[in-house]
Amino acid sequence: MLDAALAEIERAEELDPVSVSIKRDLAVIYYYRRRYEEAAEHCQGAIELDRNFYGAYWALGLAYEGLSLYAESVAAFQKGLSLAPETPRLLGSLGHAYAAWGKHSEAHEVLDRLKRLSVTTYVSPFDFALVHLGLGNLESSIEWLEVAYKSRSYELVSSRVDPKFDSIRSDVRFSKLLSSLGLIANP
């Protein structure tokens, strides 16, 4: 699956080498393949083309977190948020990075921010699940993932390959969720 995605996005980059969104998408595929350094390189290429493209900073934050460069990861997510304030996907990723870095109070602050934001705009349950997952709150994370499933959150399509979910891959509830999504055969 990721091999085909990589081949397609590499072809897209050949056809349009100055597309920042293609470079970001290529970085995300490398991130899912756990090729974090290459992911970061493609993000840097996107940022060189457009320093105001917040999506490149989101993907860069993912790559840095994969490399356990937590300060850099947080800085990338914060830069993205400076360009697109209150973007739930950036906030959820920032909260997960803080938690992975061991900065639990900052991760809880992000959860509070997401809750406040959800009063005025849509916040995917997936973003709450990410922060809880990073904090090691597996029960809460699974509950939020189930809410995300019921609300048809598009972000779930990456859960089969996203490294952040490695810690719960063996959980039967997570396997059932992936099966319900059609991402794996029945567990």
N, C-alpha and C. Protein backbone atom coordinates (compact mmCIF):
# COMPACT_ATOMS: atom_id res chain seq x y z
N MET A 1 0.82 -1.19 0.00
CA MET A 1 0.00 0.00 0.00
C MET A 1 0.88 1.27 0.00
N LEU A 2 1.82 1.36 0.93
CA LEU A 2 2.67 2.55 0.97
C LEU A 2 3.63 2.60 -0.21
N ASP A 3 4.01 1.43 -0.74
CA ASP A 3 4.87 1.42 -1.92
C ASP A 3 4.18 2.07 -3.10
N ALA A 4 2.91 1.73 -3.30
CA ALA A 4 2.15 2.32 -4.40
C ALA A 4 1.94 3.81 -4.17
N ALA A 5 1.64 4.20 -2.94
CA ALA A 5 1.45 5.62 -2.63
C ALA A 5 2.74 6.39 -2.89
N LEU A 6 3.86 5.82 -2.48
CA LEU A 6 5.15 6.48 -2.69
C LEU A 6 5.44 6.64 -4.18
N ALA A 7 5.19 5.59 -4.95
CA ALA A 7 5.43 5.67 -6.40
C ALA A 7 4.57 6.76 -7.04
N GLU A 8 3.32 6.85 -6.64
CA GLU A 8 2.41 7.85 -7.21
C GLU A 8 2.82 9.27 -6.83
N ILE A 9 3.18 9.48 -5.57
CA ILE A 9 3.51 10.84 -5.14
C ILE A 9 4.87 11.25 -5.69
N GLU A 10 5.80 10.30 -5.86
CA GLU A 10 7.08 10.62 -6.50
C GLU A 10 6.86 11.03 -7.95
N ARG A 11 5.95 10.34 -8.63
CA ARG A 11 5.60 10.70 -10.01
C ARG A 11 4.97 12.10 -10.04
N ALA A 12 4.10 12.37 -9.09
CA ALA A 12 3.48 13.70 -9.02
C ALA A 12 4.54 14.78 -8.83
N GLU A 13 5.54 14.49 -8.00
CA GLU A 13 6.60 15.47 -7.78
C GLU A 13 7.42 15.69 -9.06
N GLU A 14 7.63 14.62 -9.83
CA GLU A 14 8.33 14.77 -11.12
C GLU A 14 7.54 15.70 -12.04
N LEU A 15 6.23 15.56 -12.04
CA LEU A 15 5.38 16.37 -12.92
C LEU A 15 5.25 17.81 -12.44
N ASP A 16 5.31 18.01 -11.13
CA ASP A 16 5.16 19.36 -10.57
C ASP A 16 6.14 19.55 -9.42
N PRO A 17 7.41 19.79 -9.75
CA PRO A 17 8.45 19.86 -8.71
C PRO A 17 8.38 21.08 -7.79
N VAL A 18 7.52 22.03 -8.09
CA VAL A 18 7.42 23.20 -7.22
C VAL A 18 6.12 23.23 -6.42
N SER A 19 5.41 22.12 -6.39
CA SER A 19 4.18 22.05 -5.59
C SER A 19 4.53 21.77 -4.13
N VAL A 20 4.18 22.73 -3.28
CA VAL A 20 4.47 22.54 -1.85
C VAL A 20 3.59 21.45 -1.26
N SER A 21 2.36 21.32 -1.72
CA SER A 21 1.49 20.29 -1.16
C SER A 21 1.96 18.89 -1.57
N ILE A 22 2.50 18.75 -2.76
CA ILE A 22 3.04 17.45 -3.16
C ILE A 22 4.28 17.12 -2.33
N LYS A 23 5.13 18.10 -2.10
CA LYS A 23 6.32 17.85 -1.26
C LYS A 23 5.89 17.47 0.16
N ARG A 24 4.87 18.15 0.69
CA ARG A 24 4.36 17.79 2.02
C ARG A 24 3.81 16.37 2.02
N ASP A 25 3.02 16.03 1.00
CA ASP A 25 2.45 14.69 0.93
C ASP A 25 3.52 13.62 0.79
N LEU A 26 4.57 13.91 0.03
CA LEU A 26 5.69 12.99 -0.09
C LEU A 26 6.36 12.82 1.28
N ALA A 27 6.52 13.90 2.00
CA ALA A 27 7.11 13.83 3.35
C ALA A 27 6.26 12.96 4.26
N VAL A 28 4.95 13.10 4.17
CA VAL A 28 4.07 12.32 5.03
C VAL A 28 4.18 10.82 4.70
N ILE A 29 4.28 10.49 3.42
CA ILE A 29 4.46 9.07 3.05
C ILE A 29 5.77 8.55 3.62
N TYR A 30 6.84 9.35 3.52
CA TYR A 30 8.12 8.93 4.12
C TYR A 30 7.97 8.78 5.64
N TYR A 31 7.24 9.66 6.27
CA TYR A 31 6.98 9.55 7.71
C TYR A 31 6.28 8.23 8.02
N TYR A 32 5.24 7.90 7.27
CA TYR A 32 4.53 6.65 7.51
C TYR A 32 5.43 5.44 7.28
N ARG A 33 6.40 5.56 6.41
CA ARG A 33 7.35 4.48 6.15
C ARG A 33 8.50 4.48 7.17
N ARG A 34 8.44 5.44 8.11
CA ARG A 34 9.44 5.58 9.16
C ARG A 34 10.81 5.98 8.61
N ARG A 35 10.79 6.70 7.53
CA ARG A 35 11.99 7.26 6.91
C ARG A 35 11.98 8.76 7.23
N TYR A 36 12.23 9.03 8.51
CA TYR A 36 12.01 10.36 9.06
C TYR A 36 12.96 11.42 8.49
N GLU A 37 14.21 11.06 8.27
CA GLU A 37 15.15 12.04 7.75
C GLU A 37 14.75 12.50 6.35
N GLU A 38 14.32 11.55 5.51
CA GLU A 38 13.86 11.91 4.17
C GLU A 38 12.59 12.76 4.25
N ALA A 39 11.74 12.44 5.20
CA ALA A 39 10.52 13.23 5.39
C ALA A 39 10.89 14.67 5.72
N ALA A 40 11.83 14.84 6.64
CA ALA A 40 12.25 16.18 7.03
C ALA A 40 12.86 16.94 5.85
N GLU A 41 13.63 16.24 5.03
CA GLU A 41 14.24 16.88 3.85
C GLU A 41 13.17 17.42 2.90
N HIS A 42 12.14 16.63 2.66
CA HIS A 42 11.08 17.08 1.75
C HIS A 42 10.29 18.24 2.35
N CYS A 43 10.13 18.24 3.66
CA CYS A 43 9.46 19.37 4.32
C CYS A 43 10.29 20.63 4.15
N GLN A 44 11.59 20.50 4.32
CA GLN A 44 12.46 21.67 4.15
C GLN A 44 12.37 22.20 2.73
N GLY A 45 12.25 21.28 1.75
CA GLY A 45 12.08 21.71 0.37
C GLY A 45 10.79 22.48 0.17
N ALA A 46 9.72 22.03 0.80
CA ALA A 46 8.44 22.74 0.71
C ALA A 46 8.53 24.11 1.37
N ILE A 47 9.21 24.17 2.51
CA ILE A 47 9.35 25.43 3.23
C ILE A 47 10.20 26.42 2.43
N GLU A 48 11.22 25.92 1.74
CA GLU A 48 12.03 26.80 0.89
C GLU A 48 11.17 27.43 -0.21
N LEU A 49 10.20 26.68 -0.70
CA LEU A 49 9.32 27.19 -1.74
C LEU A 49 8.27 28.15 -1.19
N ASP A 50 7.80 27.88 0.02
CA ASP A 50 6.75 28.72 0.61
C ASP A 50 6.84 28.67 2.12
N ARG A 51 7.45 29.67 2.70
CA ARG A 51 7.65 29.73 4.16
C ARG A 51 6.34 29.89 4.92
N ASN A 52 5.26 30.18 4.22
CA ASN A 52 3.96 30.38 4.87
C ASN A 52 3.02 29.19 4.74
N PHE A 53 3.52 28.07 4.25
CA PHE A 53 2.69 26.88 4.09
C PHE A 53 2.71 26.07 5.39
N TYR A 54 1.66 26.25 6.18
CA TYR A 54 1.65 25.62 7.51
C TYR A 54 1.68 24.10 7.44
N GLY A 55 1.17 23.52 6.37
CA GLY A 55 1.18 22.07 6.24
C GLY A 55 2.57 21.47 6.22
N ALA A 56 3.53 22.21 5.69
CA ALA A 56 4.91 21.73 5.68
C ALA A 56 5.47 21.68 7.09
N TYR A 57 5.08 22.63 7.93
CA TYR A 57 5.56 22.63 9.32
C TYR A 57 4.90 21.50 10.11
N TRP A 58 3.65 21.18 9.79
CA TRP A 58 2.99 20.04 10.43
C TRP A 58 3.76 18.75 10.11
N ALA A 59 4.04 18.53 8.82
CA ALA A 59 4.76 17.32 8.43
C ALA A 59 6.18 17.31 8.99
N LEU A 60 6.82 18.48 9.06
CA LEU A 60 8.16 18.57 9.63
C LEU A 60 8.12 18.20 11.11
N GLY A 61 7.09 18.65 11.81
CA GLY A 61 6.94 18.29 13.22
C GLY A 61 6.81 16.79 13.39
N LEU A 62 6.05 16.14 12.50
CA LEU A 62 5.92 14.68 12.56
C LEU A 62 7.27 14.00 12.37
N ALA A 63 8.02 14.47 11.35
CA ALA A 63 9.33 13.87 11.06
C ALA A 63 10.27 14.03 12.24
N TYR A 64 10.32 15.23 12.81
CA TYR A 64 11.21 15.46 13.95
C TYR A 64 10.79 14.62 15.15
N GLU A 65 9.49 14.47 15.37
CA GLU A 65 9.06 13.62 16.48
C GLU A 65 9.50 12.18 16.24
N GLY A 66 9.39 11.73 14.98
CA GLY A 66 9.86 10.38 14.64
C GLY A 66 11.34 10.18 14.93
N LEU A 67 12.10 11.26 14.79
CA LEU A 67 13.54 11.22 15.08
C LEU A 67 13.84 11.47 16.56
N SER A 68 12.79 11.60 17.38
CA SER A 68 12.92 11.92 18.80
C SER A 68 13.58 13.28 19.04
N LEU A 69 13.43 14.19 18.08
CA LEU A 69 13.90 15.56 18.23
C LEU A 69 12.70 16.40 18.68
N TYR A 70 12.37 16.24 19.95
CA TYR A 70 11.12 16.80 20.45
C TYR A 70 11.08 18.32 20.47
N ALA A 71 12.18 18.95 20.83
CA ALA A 71 12.19 20.42 20.83
C ALA A 71 11.96 20.95 19.42
N GLU A 72 12.60 20.32 18.44
CA GLU A 72 12.44 20.73 17.05
C GLU A 72 11.02 20.44 16.55
N SER A 73 10.48 19.31 17.00
CA SER A 73 9.12 18.93 16.62
C SER A 73 8.13 19.97 17.13
N VAL A 74 8.23 20.30 18.41
CA VAL A 74 7.34 21.29 19.01
C VAL A 74 7.50 22.63 18.30
N ALA A 75 8.73 23.02 18.01
CA ALA A 75 8.97 24.30 17.33
C ALA A 75 8.32 24.31 15.94
N ALA A 76 8.39 23.19 15.23
CA ALA A 76 7.77 23.12 13.90
C ALA A 76 6.25 23.25 14.01
N PHE A 77 5.65 22.53 14.96
CA PHE A 77 4.20 22.64 15.13
C PHE A 77 3.80 24.06 15.54
N GLN A 78 4.59 24.67 16.42
CA GLN A 78 4.29 26.03 16.85
C GLN A 78 4.42 27.02 15.70
N LYS A 79 5.41 26.81 14.83
CA LYS A 79 5.55 27.67 13.66
C LYS A 79 4.31 27.52 12.76
N GLY A 80 3.86 26.29 12.57
CA GLY A 80 2.65 26.07 11.79
C GLY A 80 1.46 26.79 12.41
N LEU A 81 1.36 26.72 13.74
CA LEU A 81 0.26 27.41 14.43
C LEU A 81 0.38 28.92 14.34
N SER A 82 1.59 29.44 14.24
CA SER A 82 1.74 30.90 14.07
C SER A 82 1.19 31.34 12.72
N LEU A 83 1.19 30.43 11.75
CA LEU A 83 0.67 30.73 10.41
C LEU A 83 -0.81 30.41 10.28
N ALA A 84 -1.26 29.42 11.03
CA ALA A 84 -2.67 28.98 10.98
C ALA A 84 -3.14 28.73 12.41
N PRO A 85 -3.37 29.80 13.15
CA PRO A 85 -3.74 29.65 14.56
C PRO A 85 -4.99 28.79 14.75
N GLU A 86 -4.96 28.04 15.83
CA GLU A 86 -6.10 27.21 16.23
C GLU A 86 -6.48 26.15 15.20
N THR A 87 -5.49 25.63 14.48
CA THR A 87 -5.73 24.52 13.55
C THR A 87 -5.71 23.23 14.36
N PRO A 88 -6.85 22.54 14.47
CA PRO A 88 -6.92 21.36 15.33
C PRO A 88 -5.87 20.29 15.02
N ARG A 89 -5.60 20.03 13.76
CA ARG A 89 -4.62 18.99 13.43
C ARG A 89 -3.24 19.35 13.95
N LEU A 90 -2.87 20.62 13.85
CA LEU A 90 -1.59 21.06 14.40
C LEU A 90 -1.59 20.96 15.92
N LEU A 91 -2.70 21.34 16.53
CA LEU A 91 -2.79 21.28 17.99
C LEU A 91 -2.70 19.84 18.50
N GLY A 92 -3.44 18.93 17.88
CA GLY A 92 -3.38 17.53 18.30
C GLY A 92 -1.98 16.96 18.18
N SER A 93 -1.32 17.29 17.08
CA SER A 93 0.06 16.82 16.88
C SER A 93 1.01 17.46 17.88
N LEU A 94 0.80 18.75 18.16
CA LEU A 94 1.62 19.43 19.17
C LEU A 94 1.44 18.77 20.53
N GLY A 95 0.20 18.49 20.90
CA GLY A 95 -0.06 17.85 22.18
C GLY A 95 0.60 16.49 22.29
N HIS A 96 0.55 15.72 21.20
CA HIS A 96 1.19 14.40 21.19
C HIS A 96 2.71 14.56 21.36
N ALA A 97 3.29 15.52 20.65
CA ALA A 97 4.74 15.73 20.74
C ALA A 97 5.15 16.15 22.15
N TYR A 98 4.39 17.07 22.75
CA TYR A 98 4.69 17.45 24.14
C TYR A 98 4.66 16.22 25.04
N ALA A 99 3.63 15.40 24.90
CA ALA A 99 3.49 14.22 25.76
C ALA A 99 4.65 13.24 25.53
N ALA A 100 5.00 13.02 24.26
CA ALA A 100 6.11 12.11 23.95
C ALA A 100 7.42 12.63 24.52
N TRP A 101 7.54 13.94 24.63
CA TRP A 101 8.73 14.60 25.16
C TRP A 101 8.74 14.56 26.68
N GLY A 102 7.62 14.16 27.29
CA GLY A 102 7.53 14.10 28.74
C GLY A 102 7.00 15.39 29.34
N LYS A 103 6.55 16.31 28.52
CA LYS A 103 6.01 17.59 28.99
C LYS A 103 4.49 17.47 29.09
N HIS A 104 4.07 16.75 30.13
CA HIS A 104 2.65 16.41 30.28
C HIS A 104 1.77 17.61 30.59
N SER A 105 2.28 18.56 31.36
CA SER A 105 1.43 19.72 31.66
C SER A 105 1.15 20.52 30.39
N GLU A 106 2.15 20.63 29.50
CA GLU A 106 1.94 21.32 28.23
C GLU A 106 0.95 20.55 27.35
N ALA A 107 1.04 19.22 27.39
CA ALA A 107 0.10 18.39 26.61
C ALA A 107 -1.33 18.59 27.14
N HIS A 108 -1.47 18.67 28.45
CA HIS A 108 -2.80 18.92 29.04
C HIS A 108 -3.32 20.32 28.67
N GLU A 109 -2.41 21.28 28.58
CA GLU A 109 -2.81 22.62 28.14
C GLU A 109 -3.35 22.57 26.71
N VAL A 110 -2.72 21.76 25.87
CA VAL A 110 -3.21 21.61 24.49
C VAL A 110 -4.59 20.96 24.49
N LEU A 111 -4.79 19.96 25.35
CA LEU A 111 -6.13 19.35 25.46
C LEU A 111 -7.16 20.41 25.83
N ASP A 112 -6.82 21.26 26.79
CA ASP A 112 -7.73 22.33 27.20
C ASP A 112 -8.01 23.28 26.03
N ARG A 113 -6.97 23.57 25.27
CA ARG A 113 -7.12 24.45 24.11
C ARG A 113 -8.06 23.83 23.08
N LEU A 114 -7.88 22.53 22.84
CA LEU A 114 -8.76 21.82 21.90
C LEU A 114 -10.21 21.85 22.38
N LYS A 115 -10.40 21.66 23.70
CA LYS A 115 -11.77 21.70 24.24
C LYS A 115 -12.39 23.08 24.05
N ARG A 116 -11.63 24.13 24.34
CA ARG A 116 -12.15 25.49 24.14
C ARG A 116 -12.46 25.75 22.67
N LEU A 117 -11.58 25.31 21.81
CA LEU A 117 -11.77 25.51 20.37
C LEU A 117 -13.01 24.77 19.87
N SER A 118 -13.28 23.61 20.45
CA SER A 118 -14.42 22.80 19.99
C SER A 118 -15.76 23.45 20.27
N VAL A 119 -15.77 24.47 21.11
CA VAL A 119 -17.01 25.20 21.40
C VAL A 119 -17.43 26.03 20.18
N THR A 120 -16.44 26.51 19.42
CA THR A 120 -16.74 27.42 18.32
C THR A 120 -16.48 26.83 16.93
N THR A 121 -15.76 25.73 16.85
CA THR A 121 -15.43 25.14 15.55
C THR A 121 -15.31 23.63 15.69
N TYR A 122 -15.35 22.95 14.55
CA TYR A 122 -15.22 21.49 14.59
C TYR A 122 -13.80 21.09 14.93
N VAL A 123 -13.67 20.24 15.91
CA VAL A 123 -12.40 19.63 16.27
C VAL A 123 -12.62 18.13 16.18
N SER A 124 -11.84 17.49 15.36
CA SER A 124 -11.98 16.05 15.19
C SER A 124 -11.66 15.32 16.48
N PRO A 125 -12.45 14.31 16.83
CA PRO A 125 -12.12 13.48 17.99
C PRO A 125 -10.73 12.84 17.85
N PHE A 126 -10.29 12.68 16.62
CA PHE A 126 -8.96 12.13 16.35
C PHE A 126 -7.87 12.95 17.03
N ASP A 127 -8.03 14.28 17.03
CA ASP A 127 -7.02 15.14 17.63
C ASP A 127 -6.94 14.95 19.15
N PHE A 128 -8.10 14.76 19.77
CA PHE A 128 -8.12 14.45 21.20
C PHE A 128 -7.45 13.09 21.46
N ALA A 129 -7.74 12.13 20.59
CA ALA A 129 -7.16 10.79 20.73
C ALA A 129 -5.64 10.85 20.67
N LEU A 130 -5.11 11.67 19.76
CA LEU A 130 -3.65 11.78 19.62
C LEU A 130 -3.00 12.24 20.92
N VAL A 131 -3.55 13.26 21.52
CA VAL A 131 -2.95 13.79 22.74
C VAL A 131 -3.04 12.76 23.86
N HIS A 132 -4.20 12.13 24.00
CA HIS A 132 -4.35 11.10 25.04
C HIS A 132 -3.40 9.93 24.79
N LEU A 133 -3.22 9.57 23.54
CA LEU A 133 -2.30 8.49 23.20
C LEU A 133 -0.88 8.85 23.64
N GLY A 134 -0.47 10.06 23.32
CA GLY A 134 0.86 10.51 23.73
C GLY A 134 1.05 10.51 25.23
N LEU A 135 -0.02 10.85 25.94
CA LEU A 135 0.03 10.88 27.41
C LEU A 135 -0.01 9.48 28.03
N GLY A 136 -0.26 8.48 27.21
CA GLY A 136 -0.35 7.11 27.72
C GLY A 136 -1.72 6.79 28.28
N ASN A 137 -2.71 7.64 28.05
CA ASN A 137 -4.08 7.40 28.48
C ASN A 137 -4.76 6.52 27.43
N LEU A 138 -4.44 5.24 27.44
CA LEU A 138 -4.91 4.35 26.38
C LEU A 138 -6.42 4.23 26.35
N GLU A 139 -7.05 4.17 27.51
CA GLU A 139 -8.51 4.06 27.55
C GLU A 139 -9.15 5.28 26.90
N SER A 140 -8.69 6.46 27.29
CA SER A 140 -9.25 7.69 26.72
C SER A 140 -8.96 7.76 25.22
N SER A 141 -7.77 7.35 24.83
CA SER A 141 -7.42 7.39 23.42
C SER A 141 -8.33 6.49 22.60
N ILE A 142 -8.55 5.27 23.07
CA ILE A 142 -9.44 4.34 22.36
C ILE A 142 -10.86 4.90 22.31
N GLU A 143 -11.32 5.46 23.42
CA GLU A 143 -12.67 6.05 23.44
C GLU A 143 -12.79 7.16 22.40
N TRP A 144 -11.78 8.03 22.32
CA TRP A 144 -11.83 9.12 21.34
C TRP A 144 -11.73 8.58 19.92
N LEU A 145 -10.94 7.52 19.72
CA LEU A 145 -10.87 6.92 18.39
C LEU A 145 -12.21 6.33 17.98
N GLU A 146 -12.93 5.75 18.94
CA GLU A 146 -14.25 5.21 18.64
C GLU A 146 -15.23 6.33 18.29
N VAL A 147 -15.13 7.45 18.99
CA VAL A 147 -15.96 8.62 18.65
C VAL A 147 -15.57 9.11 17.25
N ALA A 148 -14.29 9.13 16.96
CA ALA A 148 -13.83 9.54 15.63
C ALA A 148 -14.41 8.62 14.55
N TYR A 149 -14.44 7.34 14.83
CA TYR A 149 -15.02 6.38 13.88
C TYR A 149 -16.50 6.68 13.66
N LYS A 150 -17.23 6.87 14.75
CA LYS A 150 -18.68 7.13 14.65
C LYS A 150 -18.97 8.44 13.92
N SER A 151 -18.07 9.41 14.06
CA SER A 151 -18.29 10.70 13.39
C SER A 151 -17.61 10.75 12.01
N ARG A 152 -17.08 9.62 11.59
CA ARG A 152 -16.47 9.48 10.25
C ARG A 152 -15.30 10.43 10.02
N SER A 153 -14.46 10.53 11.01
CA SER A 153 -13.28 11.40 10.91
C SER A 153 -12.32 10.84 9.85
N TYR A 154 -12.03 11.65 8.87
CA TYR A 154 -11.18 11.21 7.77
C TYR A 154 -9.77 10.85 8.22
N GLU A 155 -9.30 11.44 9.32
CA GLU A 155 -7.93 11.23 9.78
C GLU A 155 -7.65 9.76 10.12
N LEU A 156 -8.70 9.00 10.38
CA LEU A 156 -8.51 7.60 10.75
C LEU A 156 -7.89 6.75 9.64
N VAL A 157 -7.99 7.21 8.40
CA VAL A 157 -7.48 6.39 7.30
C VAL A 157 -5.98 6.15 7.43
N SER A 158 -5.27 7.01 8.13
CA SER A 158 -3.83 6.84 8.29
C SER A 158 -3.45 6.02 9.52
N SER A 159 -4.41 5.68 10.35
CA SER A 159 -4.09 5.04 11.63
C SER A 159 -3.42 3.68 11.48
N ARG A 160 -3.64 3.01 10.38
CA ARG A 160 -3.00 1.71 10.17
C ARG A 160 -1.48 1.84 10.01
N VAL A 161 -1.03 2.96 9.45
CA VAL A 161 0.38 3.12 9.14
C VAL A 161 1.08 4.19 9.96
N ASP A 162 0.34 5.00 10.67
CA ASP A 162 0.94 6.10 11.44
C ASP A 162 1.73 5.54 12.62
N PRO A 163 3.03 5.88 12.70
CA PRO A 163 3.86 5.37 13.80
C PRO A 163 3.35 5.72 15.19
N LYS A 164 2.60 6.80 15.32
CA LYS A 164 2.10 7.18 16.65
C LYS A 164 1.21 6.09 17.24
N PHE A 165 0.64 5.25 16.41
CA PHE A 165 -0.27 4.21 16.89
C PHE A 165 0.43 2.88 17.16
N ASP A 166 1.74 2.84 17.01
CA ASP A 166 2.47 1.59 17.25
C ASP A 166 2.24 1.05 18.65
N SER A 167 2.09 1.96 19.62
CA SER A 167 1.96 1.53 21.01
C SER A 167 0.63 0.81 21.29
N ILE A 168 -0.35 0.95 20.41
CA ILE A 168 -1.64 0.29 20.66
C ILE A 168 -2.01 -0.71 19.56
N ARG A 169 -1.06 -1.02 18.69
CA ARG A 169 -1.36 -1.96 17.60
C ARG A 169 -1.81 -3.32 18.11
N SER A 170 -1.32 -3.75 19.25
CA SER A 170 -1.69 -5.06 19.77
C SER A 170 -2.99 -5.04 20.56
N ASP A 171 -3.55 -3.86 20.80
CA ASP A 171 -4.81 -3.75 21.53
C ASP A 171 -5.95 -4.24 20.63
N VAL A 172 -6.72 -5.18 21.14
CA VAL A 172 -7.81 -5.79 20.36
C VAL A 172 -8.80 -4.73 19.90
N ARG A 173 -9.08 -3.74 20.74
CA ARG A 173 -10.03 -2.69 20.37
C ARG A 173 -9.54 -1.88 19.19
N PHE A 174 -8.23 -1.62 19.15
CA PHE A 174 -7.66 -0.89 18.02
C PHE A 174 -7.75 -1.74 16.75
N SER A 175 -7.44 -3.02 16.88
CA SER A 175 -7.55 -3.93 15.73
C SER A 175 -8.97 -3.99 15.20
N LYS A 176 -9.95 -4.03 16.12
CA LYS A 176 -11.35 -4.04 15.70
C LYS A 176 -11.71 -2.75 14.98
N LEU A 177 -11.20 -1.64 15.47
CA LEU A 177 -11.45 -0.36 14.82
C LEU A 177 -10.89 -0.36 13.41
N LEU A 178 -9.64 -0.82 13.24
CA LEU A 178 -9.04 -0.89 11.93
C LEU A 178 -9.83 -1.82 11.01
N SER A 179 -10.32 -2.92 11.57
CA SER A 179 -11.15 -3.85 10.80
C SER A 179 -12.46 -3.19 10.38
N SER A 180 -13.08 -2.46 11.29
CA SER A 180 -14.34 -1.76 10.97
C SER A 180 -14.13 -0.74 9.86
N LEU A 181 -12.95 -0.17 9.81
CA LEU A 181 -12.62 0.80 8.77
C LEU A 181 -12.27 0.12 7.45
N GLY A 182 -12.11 -1.20 7.49
CA GLY A 182 -11.71 -1.92 6.29
C GLY A 182 -10.22 -1.83 6.02
N LEU A 183 -9.45 -1.47 7.04
CA LEU A 183 -8.01 -1.30 6.86
C LEU A 183 -7.22 -2.58 7.12
N ILE A 184 -7.83 -3.53 7.84
CA ILE A 184 -7.24 -4.85 8.05
C ILE A 184 -8.36 -5.88 8.00
N ALA A 185 -7.97 -7.14 7.84
CA ALA A 185 -8.96 -8.22 7.90
C ALA A 185 -9.44 -8.36 9.34
N ASN A 186 -10.55 -9.03 9.52
CA ASN A 186 -11.08 -9.23 10.88
C ASN A 186 -10.00 -9.78 11.79
N PRO A 187 -9.88 -9.17 12.99
CA PRO A 187 -8.83 -9.64 13.93
C PRO A 187 -9.15 -11.00 14.52
